[in-house]
N, C-alpha and C. Protein backbone atom coordinates (compact mmCIF):
# COMPACT_ATOMS: atom_id res chain seq x y z
N MET A 1 116.18 71.05 142.34
CA MET A 1 115.49 72.27 141.96
C MET A 1 114.10 71.88 141.45
N THR A 2 113.10 72.54 141.93
CA THR A 2 111.74 72.26 141.50
C THR A 2 111.37 73.16 140.33
N ALA A 3 110.25 72.86 139.70
CA ALA A 3 109.81 73.66 138.56
C ALA A 3 109.53 75.10 138.98
N LYS A 4 109.09 75.30 140.23
CA LYS A 4 108.82 76.67 140.71
C LYS A 4 110.09 77.48 140.84
N ASP A 5 111.19 76.84 141.22
CA ASP A 5 112.44 77.54 141.45
C ASP A 5 113.13 77.95 140.16
N TRP A 6 112.86 77.26 139.09
CA TRP A 6 113.57 77.51 137.83
C TRP A 6 112.94 78.68 137.09
N HIS A 7 113.76 79.59 136.64
CA HIS A 7 113.31 80.73 135.85
C HIS A 7 114.20 80.82 134.62
N ALA A 8 113.61 81.14 133.51
CA ALA A 8 114.40 81.33 132.30
C ALA A 8 115.27 82.56 132.47
N PRO A 9 116.51 82.48 132.04
CA PRO A 9 117.37 83.67 132.18
C PRO A 9 116.86 84.80 131.30
N SER A 10 116.88 86.00 131.83
CA SER A 10 116.43 87.14 131.05
C SER A 10 117.60 87.68 130.24
N ARG A 11 117.30 88.33 129.16
CA ARG A 11 118.35 88.89 128.31
C ARG A 11 118.79 90.24 128.85
N SER A 12 120.06 90.47 128.75
CA SER A 12 120.56 91.79 129.12
C SER A 12 120.22 92.76 127.99
N ASP A 13 120.45 94.03 128.23
CA ASP A 13 120.15 95.03 127.20
C ASP A 13 120.94 94.77 125.93
N SER A 14 122.21 94.42 126.06
CA SER A 14 123.03 94.18 124.87
C SER A 14 122.57 92.90 124.17
N GLY A 15 122.16 91.91 124.93
CA GLY A 15 121.67 90.67 124.33
C GLY A 15 120.37 90.90 123.58
N ALA A 16 119.51 91.72 124.13
CA ALA A 16 118.25 92.04 123.47
C ALA A 16 118.50 92.83 122.19
N ALA A 17 119.46 93.74 122.24
CA ALA A 17 119.79 94.53 121.06
C ALA A 17 120.37 93.64 119.96
N LYS A 18 121.24 92.70 120.35
CA LYS A 18 121.81 91.76 119.38
C LYS A 18 120.72 90.90 118.75
N ALA A 19 119.79 90.44 119.58
CA ALA A 19 118.70 89.61 119.09
C ALA A 19 117.81 90.39 118.12
N ALA A 20 117.53 91.65 118.45
CA ALA A 20 116.70 92.48 117.57
C ALA A 20 117.41 92.75 116.25
N THR A 21 118.73 92.98 116.31
CA THR A 21 119.50 93.21 115.09
C THR A 21 119.49 91.97 114.21
N LYS A 22 119.68 90.81 114.84
CA LYS A 22 119.67 89.55 114.09
C LYS A 22 118.31 89.32 113.46
N GLN A 23 117.25 89.57 114.20
CA GLN A 23 115.89 89.40 113.70
C GLN A 23 115.64 90.29 112.48
N ALA A 24 116.08 91.54 112.57
CA ALA A 24 115.90 92.48 111.45
C ALA A 24 116.71 92.04 110.24
N ARG A 25 117.94 91.57 110.48
CA ARG A 25 118.79 91.11 109.39
C ARG A 25 118.17 89.90 108.70
N LEU A 26 117.65 88.97 109.47
CA LEU A 26 117.01 87.78 108.89
C LEU A 26 115.75 88.15 108.11
N ALA A 27 114.98 89.10 108.62
CA ALA A 27 113.77 89.54 107.93
C ALA A 27 114.13 90.19 106.59
N ASP A 28 115.18 91.01 106.56
CA ASP A 28 115.63 91.63 105.31
C ASP A 28 116.09 90.57 104.32
N ALA A 29 116.83 89.58 104.80
CA ALA A 29 117.32 88.52 103.92
C ALA A 29 116.15 87.72 103.36
N LEU A 30 115.15 87.47 104.17
CA LEU A 30 113.98 86.72 103.72
C LEU A 30 113.22 87.50 102.64
N ARG A 31 113.04 88.82 102.86
CA ARG A 31 112.36 89.64 101.85
C ARG A 31 113.15 89.67 100.55
N ALA A 32 114.47 89.78 100.63
CA ALA A 32 115.30 89.81 99.42
C ALA A 32 115.20 88.48 98.68
N ASN A 33 115.22 87.39 99.42
CA ASN A 33 115.13 86.07 98.80
C ASN A 33 113.77 85.89 98.11
N LEU A 34 112.72 86.32 98.78
CA LEU A 34 111.39 86.22 98.18
C LEU A 34 111.30 87.05 96.91
N GLY A 35 111.88 88.24 96.92
CA GLY A 35 111.89 89.08 95.72
C GLY A 35 112.62 88.42 94.57
N ARG A 36 113.77 87.79 94.87
CA ARG A 36 114.51 87.09 93.81
C ARG A 36 113.71 85.92 93.25
N ARG A 37 113.07 85.17 94.13
CA ARG A 37 112.30 84.01 93.67
C ARG A 37 111.10 84.44 92.82
N LYS A 38 110.44 85.53 93.21
CA LYS A 38 109.31 86.03 92.42
C LYS A 38 109.78 86.52 91.06
N ALA A 39 110.94 87.18 91.02
CA ALA A 39 111.48 87.65 89.75
C ALA A 39 111.82 86.47 88.85
N GLN A 40 112.37 85.41 89.42
CA GLN A 40 112.69 84.22 88.64
C GLN A 40 111.40 83.59 88.09
N ALA A 41 110.37 83.53 88.91
CA ALA A 41 109.11 82.92 88.48
C ALA A 41 108.49 83.75 87.36
N ARG A 42 108.55 85.09 87.48
CA ARG A 42 108.00 85.94 86.42
C ARG A 42 108.79 85.77 85.13
N ALA A 43 110.10 85.60 85.23
CA ALA A 43 110.94 85.43 84.04
C ALA A 43 110.63 84.11 83.34
N ARG A 44 110.31 83.08 84.12
CA ARG A 44 110.02 81.76 83.54
C ARG A 44 108.62 81.68 82.96
N ALA A 45 107.68 82.44 83.47
CA ALA A 45 106.29 82.37 83.04
C ALA A 45 106.15 82.94 81.63
N PRO A 46 105.36 82.28 80.79
CA PRO A 46 105.13 82.84 79.45
C PRO A 46 104.31 84.12 79.54
N ALA A 47 104.34 84.89 78.49
CA ALA A 47 103.59 86.15 78.46
C ALA A 47 102.10 85.86 78.62
N ALA A 48 101.36 86.79 79.16
CA ALA A 48 99.93 86.59 79.43
C ALA A 48 99.15 86.34 78.14
N ASP A 49 99.54 86.98 77.04
CA ASP A 49 98.84 86.79 75.78
C ASP A 49 98.99 85.37 75.26
N GLU A 50 100.12 84.74 75.51
CA GLU A 50 100.36 83.39 75.03
C GLU A 50 99.58 82.35 75.81
N THR A 51 99.28 82.62 77.07
CA THR A 51 98.61 81.63 77.89
C THR A 51 97.09 81.72 77.81
N ALA A 52 96.56 82.81 77.33
CA ALA A 52 95.11 82.96 77.26
C ALA A 52 94.55 82.06 76.16
N PRO A 53 93.50 81.31 76.47
CA PRO A 53 92.91 80.46 75.43
C PRO A 53 92.22 81.32 74.38
N PRO A 54 92.11 80.81 73.18
CA PRO A 54 91.44 81.61 72.14
C PRO A 54 89.98 81.82 72.52
N SER A 55 89.46 82.96 72.17
CA SER A 55 88.06 83.26 72.52
C SER A 55 87.14 82.40 71.68
N LYS A 56 86.03 82.00 72.27
CA LYS A 56 85.06 81.15 71.58
C LYS A 56 84.04 82.03 70.88
N PRO A 57 83.57 81.59 69.75
CA PRO A 57 82.49 82.37 69.10
C PRO A 57 81.22 82.26 69.92
N PRO A 58 80.33 83.25 69.85
CA PRO A 58 79.09 83.20 70.63
C PRO A 58 78.21 82.04 70.16
N ARG A 59 77.50 81.45 71.11
CA ARG A 59 76.60 80.35 70.76
C ARG A 59 75.36 80.89 70.09
N SER A 60 74.96 80.22 69.02
CA SER A 60 73.75 80.67 68.32
C SER A 60 72.55 79.94 68.93
N ALA A 61 71.39 80.61 68.89
CA ALA A 61 70.20 80.05 69.51
C ALA A 61 69.44 79.17 68.59
């Protein structure tokens, strides 16, 4: 068989539907995982007031 003769098999309608369902399910799982990781990072981060450096007095001329 030559390279010209070979064709990738096409998906049937049910195969395409299964692939689309799987893709959507994986995308939802990825979004949920990202949301959990962001929530964990926010919980670990100190409050914004604690991380801000103290303000410096104005420089005199």
